[in-house]
Amino acid sequence: MATKKENTKAEATEAKTTKEKMVKVKLPIDRSRKVQRIYVGVNGRAMFIPLGEEVEIPELFYNALMDRERALEARLKKELEQNK
């Protein structure tokens, strides 16, 4: 069974061979949950992104992460407005 670093490296190797643009990202450690990595799936492809360390990921996965963050922010803003 492959470790998380091997999975990330495998995805990075696959991306480089297909000439995808890579993006460096460092996701913060979430102390409220006991997870060490985040699962991201896009168009039938998936990868685990480790928390607390800088890794290179295909831009496609980075965009999915940013979409998630924008959706979470919008939901939090809506909840705050409703609680006023």
C-alpha atoms as a PDB file:
ATOM      1  CA  MET A   1       0.000   0.000   0.000  1.00  0.00           C
ATOM      2  CA  ALA A   2       1.404   3.423  -0.923  1.00  0.00           C
ATOM      3  CA  THR A   3       1.990   6.095   1.664  1.00  0.00           C
ATOM      4  CA  LYS A   4       0.612   9.621   1.398  1.00  0.00           C
ATOM      5  CA  LYS A   5       3.940  10.980   0.145  1.00  0.00           C
ATOM      6  CA  GLU A   6       4.107   8.294  -2.519  1.00  0.00           C
ATOM      7  CA  ASN A   7       0.518   9.091  -3.589  1.00  0.00           C
ATOM      8  CA  THR A   8       1.304  12.804  -3.883  1.00  0.00           C
ATOM      9  CA  LYS A   9       4.515  12.089  -5.794  1.00  0.00           C
ATOM     10  CA  ALA A  10       2.691   9.695  -8.092  1.00  0.00           C
ATOM     11  CA  GLU A  11       0.092  12.345  -8.921  1.00  0.00           C
ATOM     12  CA  ALA A  12       2.824  14.921  -9.472  1.00  0.00           C
ATOM     13  CA  THR A  13       4.696  12.542 -11.776  1.00  0.00           C
ATOM     14  CA  GLU A  14       1.518  11.826 -13.742  1.00  0.00           C
ATOM     15  CA  ALA A  15       0.808  15.543 -14.058  1.00  0.00           C
ATOM     16  CA  LYS A  16       4.323  16.334 -15.270  1.00  0.00           C
ATOM     17  CA  THR A  17       4.171  13.674 -17.957  1.00  0.00           C
ATOM     18  CA  THR A  18       0.905  15.153 -19.254  1.00  0.00           C
ATOM     19  CA  LYS A  19       2.304  18.713 -19.138  1.00  0.00           C
ATOM     20  CA  GLU A  20      -0.174  20.037 -16.576  1.00  0.00           C
ATOM     21  CA  LYS A  21       0.562  23.293 -14.844  1.00  0.00           C
ATOM     22  CA  MET A  22       1.621  22.656 -11.235  1.00  0.00           C
ATOM     23  CA  VAL A  23       0.887  24.902  -8.247  1.00  0.00           C
ATOM     24  CA  LYS A  24       2.646  24.929  -4.879  1.00  0.00           C
ATOM     25  CA  VAL A  25       0.269  24.817  -1.939  1.00  0.00           C
ATOM     26  CA  LYS A  26       0.555  24.413   1.812  1.00  0.00           C
ATOM     27  CA  LEU A  27      -2.714  23.623   3.543  1.00  0.00           C
ATOM     28  CA  PRO A  28      -2.898  24.481   7.248  1.00  0.00           C
ATOM     29  CA  ILE A  29      -3.181  21.757   9.839  1.00  0.00           C
ATOM     30  CA  ASP A  30      -6.707  21.557  11.229  1.00  0.00           C
ATOM     31  CA  ARG A  31      -6.352  20.839  14.932  1.00  0.00           C
ATOM     32  CA  SER A  32     -10.124  20.524  15.396  1.00  0.00           C
ATOM     33  CA  ARG A  33     -10.101  17.365  13.270  1.00  0.00           C
ATOM     34  CA  LYS A  34      -7.726  14.435  13.379  1.00  0.00           C
ATOM     35  CA  VAL A  35      -6.896  14.357   9.677  1.00  0.00           C
ATOM     36  CA  GLN A  36      -3.456  14.592   8.146  1.00  0.00           C
ATOM     37  CA  ARG A  37      -4.550  15.017   4.561  1.00  0.00           C
ATOM     38  CA  ILE A  38      -7.474  16.202   2.439  1.00  0.00           C
ATOM     39  CA  TYR A  39      -9.092  14.185  -0.333  1.00  0.00           C
ATOM     40  CA  VAL A  40      -9.755  16.095  -3.550  1.00  0.00           C
ATOM     41  CA  GLY A  41     -11.487  14.563  -6.553  1.00  0.00           C
ATOM     42  CA  VAL A  42     -11.926  16.217  -9.936  1.00  0.00           C
ATOM     43  CA  ASN A  43     -13.311  14.687 -13.146  1.00  0.00           C
ATOM     44  CA  GLY A  44     -12.641  11.093 -12.150  1.00  0.00           C
ATOM     45  CA  ARG A  45      -9.171  11.828 -10.780  1.00  0.00           C
ATOM     46  CA  ALA A  46      -8.365  11.996  -7.100  1.00  0.00           C
ATOM     47  CA  MET A  47      -5.522  12.717  -4.752  1.00  0.00           C
ATOM     48  CA  PHE A  48      -4.817  13.228  -1.073  1.00  0.00           C
ATOM     49  CA  ILE A  49      -3.134  16.529  -0.219  1.00  0.00           C
ATOM     50  CA  PRO A  50      -1.138  16.434   3.015  1.00  0.00           C
ATOM     51  CA  LEU A  51      -1.728  19.143   5.607  1.00  0.00           C
ATOM     52  CA  GLY A  52       1.102  21.216   7.015  1.00  0.00           C
ATOM     53  CA  GLU A  53       3.634  20.660   4.247  1.00  0.00           C
ATOM     54  CA  GLU A  54       4.253  22.393   0.945  1.00  0.00           C
ATOM     55  CA  VAL A  55       3.518  20.218  -2.076  1.00  0.00           C
ATOM     56  CA  GLU A  56       3.030  20.741  -5.790  1.00  0.00           C
ATOM     57  CA  ILE A  57      -0.361  19.752  -7.142  1.00  0.00           C
ATOM     58  CA  PRO A  58      -1.931  20.056 -10.586  1.00  0.00           C
ATOM     59  CA  GLU A  59      -3.693  23.383 -11.088  1.00  0.00           C
ATOM     60  CA  LEU A  60      -6.974  21.515 -11.624  1.00  0.00           C
ATOM     61  CA  PHE A  61      -6.912  20.325  -7.997  1.00  0.00           C
ATOM     62  CA  TYR A  62      -5.841  23.761  -6.750  1.00  0.00           C
ATOM     63  CA  ASN A  63      -8.846  25.328  -8.496  1.00  0.00           C
ATOM     64  CA  ALA A  64     -11.145  22.764  -6.862  1.00  0.00           C
ATOM     65  CA  LEU A  65      -9.695  23.676  -3.444  1.00  0.00           C
ATOM     66  CA  MET A  66     -10.248  27.377  -4.085  1.00  0.00           C
ATOM     67  CA  ASP A  67     -13.841  26.739  -5.207  1.00  0.00           C
ATOM     68  CA  ARG A  68     -14.408  24.860  -1.951  1.00  0.00           C
ATOM     69  CA  GLU A  69     -13.001  27.744   0.095  1.00  0.00           C
ATOM     70  CA  ARG A  70     -15.193  30.292  -1.699  1.00  0.00           C
ATOM     71  CA  ALA A  71     -18.281  28.142  -1.102  1.00  0.00           C
ATOM     72  CA  LEU A  72     -17.444  27.753   2.599  1.00  0.00           C
ATOM     73  CA  GLU A  73     -16.884  31.500   2.949  1.00  0.00           C
ATOM     74  CA  ALA A  74     -20.221  32.281   1.279  1.00  0.00           C
ATOM     75  CA  ARG A  75     -22.015  29.834   3.561  1.00  0.00           C
ATOM     76  CA  LEU A  76     -20.406  31.342   6.671  1.00  0.00           C
ATOM     77  CA  LYS A  77     -21.342  34.874   5.600  1.00  0.00           C
ATOM     78  CA  LYS A  78     -24.941  33.784   5.024  1.00  0.00           C
ATOM     79  CA  GLU A  79     -25.098  32.141   8.475  1.00  0.00           C
ATOM     80  CA  LEU A  80     -23.701  35.278  10.117  1.00  0.00           C
ATOM     81  CA  GLU A  81     -26.285  37.485   8.376  1.00  0.00           C
ATOM     82  CA  GLN A  82     -29.098  35.184   9.462  1.00  0.00           C
ATOM     83  CA  ASN A  83     -27.923  35.304  13.094  1.00  0.00           C
ATOM     84  CA  LYS A  84     -28.034  39.122  13.263  1.00  0.00           C
END
